[in-house]
Protein backbone atom coordinates (compact mmCIF):
# COMPACT_ATOMS: atom_id res chain seq x y z
CA MET A 1 -10.07 -3.15 13.02
CA LYS A 2 -11.03 0.30 11.70
CA PHE A 3 -11.87 0.82 8.05
CA PRO A 4 -8.69 2.15 6.39
CA PRO A 5 -8.84 5.65 4.87
CA GLY A 6 -6.78 4.34 1.95
CA LYS A 7 -9.87 2.40 0.83
CA ALA A 8 -12.31 5.29 1.35
CA GLU A 9 -13.54 5.17 -2.26
CA ARG A 10 -15.21 1.83 -1.44
CA LEU A 11 -17.55 3.67 0.94
CA ASP A 12 -19.07 5.53 -2.02
CA ARG A 13 -19.22 2.56 -4.41
CA ASP A 14 -22.06 2.07 -6.86
CA GLY A 15 -24.92 0.05 -5.47
CA ARG A 16 -24.20 0.55 -1.77
CA LYS A 17 -27.23 2.78 -1.22
CA GLU A 18 -29.44 0.04 -2.64
CA THR A 19 -27.88 -2.95 -0.87
CA GLN A 20 -27.90 -1.15 2.49
CA LYS A 21 -31.34 0.35 1.73
CA LEU A 22 -30.35 3.87 2.77
CA GLU A 23 -33.54 5.66 1.70
CA GLU A 24 -35.69 2.98 3.37
CA LEU A 25 -33.67 3.44 6.56
CA LEU A 26 -34.16 7.22 6.50
CA ASP A 27 -37.90 6.67 5.93
CA LEU A 28 -37.96 4.34 8.94
CA MET A 29 -36.16 6.92 11.08
CA SER A 30 -38.66 9.54 9.96
CA PRO A 31 -36.84 12.64 11.21
CA SER A 32 -38.63 15.98 11.19
CA GLU A 33 -37.07 18.79 9.18
CA ASP A 34 -35.54 20.29 12.34
CA SER A 35 -34.21 17.06 13.89
CA VAL A 36 -30.65 16.77 15.16
CA MET A 37 -28.84 13.60 14.09
CA ILE A 38 -25.43 12.06 14.80
CA ASP A 39 -23.70 9.84 12.27
CA VAL A 40 -21.16 7.91 14.34
CA GLY A 41 -18.39 6.55 12.14
CA SER A 42 -19.47 8.87 9.34
CA GLY A 43 -16.55 8.06 7.10
CA THR A 44 -16.93 9.90 3.80
CA GLY A 45 -20.59 10.82 4.36
CA PHE A 46 -22.55 7.85 2.99
CA PHE A 47 -25.31 8.51 5.57
CA THR A 48 -24.46 12.10 6.56
CA ILE A 49 -25.23 13.76 3.23
CA PRO A 50 -28.63 12.11 2.54
CA ALA A 51 -29.58 12.62 6.21
CA SER A 52 -28.75 16.33 5.97
CA ASP A 53 -31.23 16.60 3.08
CA ARG A 54 -33.96 15.19 5.36
CA VAL A 55 -33.29 17.75 8.14
CA PRO A 56 -32.85 21.08 6.29
CA LEU A 57 -33.70 23.09 9.43
CA GLY A 58 -31.86 20.70 11.74
CA LYS A 59 -28.31 19.47 11.99
CA VAL A 60 -26.23 16.37 11.33
CA TYR A 61 -23.05 15.77 13.30
CA ALA A 62 -20.62 13.68 11.24
CA VAL A 63 -18.46 11.93 13.85
CA ASP A 64 -15.35 9.92 13.03
CA ILE A 65 -12.07 9.01 14.73
CA GLN A 66 -10.10 9.36 11.51
CA GLU A 67 -9.29 12.90 10.38
CA GLU A 68 -8.62 11.60 6.84
CA MET A 69 -12.23 10.43 6.51
CA LEU A 70 -13.57 13.77 7.76
CA ASP A 71 -11.28 15.60 5.29
CA ILE A 72 -12.86 13.64 2.40
CA LEU A 73 -16.32 14.43 3.73
CA ARG A 74 -15.54 18.14 4.14
CA GLU A 75 -14.65 18.33 0.44
CA LYS A 76 -18.17 17.09 -0.35
CA LEU A 77 -19.89 19.55 2.00
CA VAL A 78 -19.34 22.79 0.09
CA ARG A 79 -23.07 23.61 0.04
CA LYS A 80 -24.18 21.83 3.22
CA GLY A 81 -24.58 24.33 6.05
CA ASN A 82 -26.35 21.92 8.38
CA VAL A 83 -23.48 19.43 8.80
CA GLU A 84 -20.77 19.71 11.44
CA THR A 85 -17.79 17.37 11.41
CA VAL A 86 -16.53 16.14 14.78
CA LEU A 87 -13.22 14.34 15.32
CA SER A 88 -13.73 11.88 18.16
CA THR A 89 -12.02 9.12 20.08
CA GLU A 90 -13.49 5.77 21.13
CA ASN A 91 -14.47 7.24 24.51
CA SER A 92 -15.12 10.91 23.80
CA ILE A 93 -17.40 12.70 21.35
CA ASP A 94 -17.37 16.49 21.72
CA ILE A 95 -21.13 17.06 21.42
CA GLU A 96 -23.34 18.48 24.17
CA ASP A 97 -25.36 16.17 26.47
CA SER A 98 -28.96 15.40 25.44
CA SER A 99 -28.71 17.34 22.20
CA ALA A 100 -29.61 14.84 19.44
CA ASP A 101 -32.86 13.17 18.43
CA TYR A 102 -31.30 10.34 16.40
CA ALA A 103 -28.02 8.49 16.18
CA TYR A 104 -26.90 6.22 13.38
CA MET A 105 -24.03 3.74 13.46
CA GLY A 106 -23.52 2.11 10.07
CA ASN A 107 -21.03 -0.78 9.94
CA VAL A 108 -19.40 0.51 13.13
CA LEU A 109 -20.50 -1.83 15.93
CA HIS A 110 -18.03 -4.56 14.92
CA GLU A 111 -15.18 -1.99 14.94
CA LEU A 112 -15.70 -0.68 18.49
CA ASP A 113 -13.07 -1.21 21.17
CA GLY A 114 -15.20 -1.45 24.29
CA ASP A 115 -18.44 0.36 25.11
CA GLY A 116 -17.13 3.94 25.31
CA THR A 117 -18.63 5.03 21.99
CA LEU A 118 -22.07 3.62 22.82
CA LYS A 119 -21.96 5.32 26.24
CA GLU A 120 -21.14 8.61 24.52
CA VAL A 121 -24.03 8.17 22.08
CA TYR A 122 -26.34 7.48 25.03
CA ARG A 123 -25.13 10.68 26.72
CA ILE A 124 -25.62 12.78 23.57
CA LEU A 125 -29.12 11.53 22.73
CA LYS A 126 -32.14 13.28 24.21
CA ASP A 127 -34.38 11.25 26.53
CA LYS A 128 -36.30 8.84 24.26
CA GLY A 129 -33.83 9.57 21.44
CA LEU A 130 -33.38 6.74 18.96
CA LEU A 131 -30.29 4.79 17.97
CA PHE A 132 -30.20 2.86 14.69
CA VAL A 133 -27.38 0.34 14.31
CA LEU A 134 -26.79 -1.26 10.93
CA ASP A 135 -24.05 -3.87 10.85
CA TRP A 136 -22.75 -6.91 9.02
CA LYS A 137 -24.39 -10.26 9.75
CA LYS A 138 -22.20 -12.96 11.24
CA GLY A 139 -21.16 -15.43 8.55
CA GLN A 140 -20.13 -15.19 4.92
CA THR A 141 -21.59 -12.34 2.90
CA GLU A 142 -20.49 -10.51 -0.18
CA GLY A 143 -18.01 -7.92 1.04
CA GLY A 144 -17.55 -6.77 4.60
CA PRO A 145 -15.11 -7.50 7.39
CA PRO A 146 -13.74 -10.92 8.32
CA THR A 147 -16.42 -13.17 9.84
CA GLU A 148 -14.61 -13.37 13.18
CA GLU A 149 -15.00 -9.58 13.63
CA ARG A 150 -18.79 -9.68 13.20
CA PHE A 151 -21.65 -10.15 15.66
CA THR A 152 -24.93 -11.97 15.42
CA MET A 153 -28.00 -9.75 15.76
CA ASP A 154 -28.56 -11.12 19.30
CA GLU A 155 -24.95 -10.34 20.26
CA GLY A 156 -25.37 -6.82 18.89
CA LYS A 157 -28.59 -6.39 20.85
CA LYS A 158 -26.88 -7.44 24.11
CA ILE A 159 -23.99 -5.02 23.52
CA ILE A 160 -26.38 -2.14 22.92
CA GLU A 161 -28.57 -2.99 25.90
CA SER A 162 -25.52 -3.25 28.18
CA THR A 163 -25.01 0.52 27.78
CA GLY A 164 -28.53 1.44 28.91
CA PHE A 165 -30.50 1.44 25.67
CA LYS A 166 -33.81 -0.39 25.34
CA VAL A 167 -33.88 -2.32 22.07
CA GLU A 168 -37.26 -1.80 20.41
CA GLU A 169 -36.77 -3.69 17.16
CA THR A 170 -34.35 -6.01 15.39
CA ARG A 171 -34.59 -7.16 11.81
CA GLU A 172 -32.67 -8.60 8.93
CA TRP A 173 -31.65 -5.76 6.61
CA GLY A 174 -30.91 -6.94 3.11
CA ASP A 175 -28.73 -9.93 2.35
CA SER A 176 -25.74 -9.02 4.47
CA HIS A 177 -26.85 -6.78 7.35
CA PHE A 178 -29.04 -6.55 10.42
CA LEU A 179 -30.70 -3.44 11.87
CA ILE A 180 -31.26 -2.70 15.54
CA LYS A 181 -33.46 0.18 16.69
CA ALA A 182 -33.00 1.20 20.33
CA LYS A 183 -34.27 4.00 22.56
CA LYS A 184 -32.54 5.99 25.27
CA VAL A 185 -34.50 5.46 28.46
CA ARG A 186 -33.75 6.81 31.92
CA HIS A 187 -33.19 4.15 34.56
C-alpha cells in the first residue's frame, strides 16, 4: 500500500531526521559536490532537500508516483535549482540510462508492486553506482506500516539482488529500520 498524500505532514514530523539518522546516512553515502542522485519515492522531500545541499554542483531527481506528493515538494523548492521532480510509475522512471551516481529508497521497498522500480533504478545508475535502501524492520516498531507489509533485512537483500545489484553491506539502522547498500555491477 502506498503512503497516502492525505497524511503527507507525517513525512516531515519532528524527530524523523534523528530516528532515521538522515545526516549519518548522507555522510555514509559521501557524495561529491557534483554527484547526481535519485530519491525514489521522494514524497515531500525528506531526503531530497538535505541531499541537494550536499551536491550543490550536481543534481537530485525527486521521483514519486503521486503527483500530490511532488506538488508539496515543489512548494518547498523555491530556491533549489539542483532538484528536478519526476512523476513516475512502478515500471517507468523518465531519467536517462546510466546518469546517476547514487539512488536512495527510503521506506519504499515494502510498497513496491513487483521489481519494475528496482529494474529502473538499476538502468538509471551508472556502472558501479550505489543504491541505499532504508526500510522498516519486520516486526513491531513504533510507527510504520503493518507488520505483514514489511520485509526482514535478508528478504530485502534477496529482492535487491534479484534485479542485478550486488549487496555490499546490510546493517540495523536505528530501532525500527534496516539499511542495505548495493552496487550496480555489469553481468
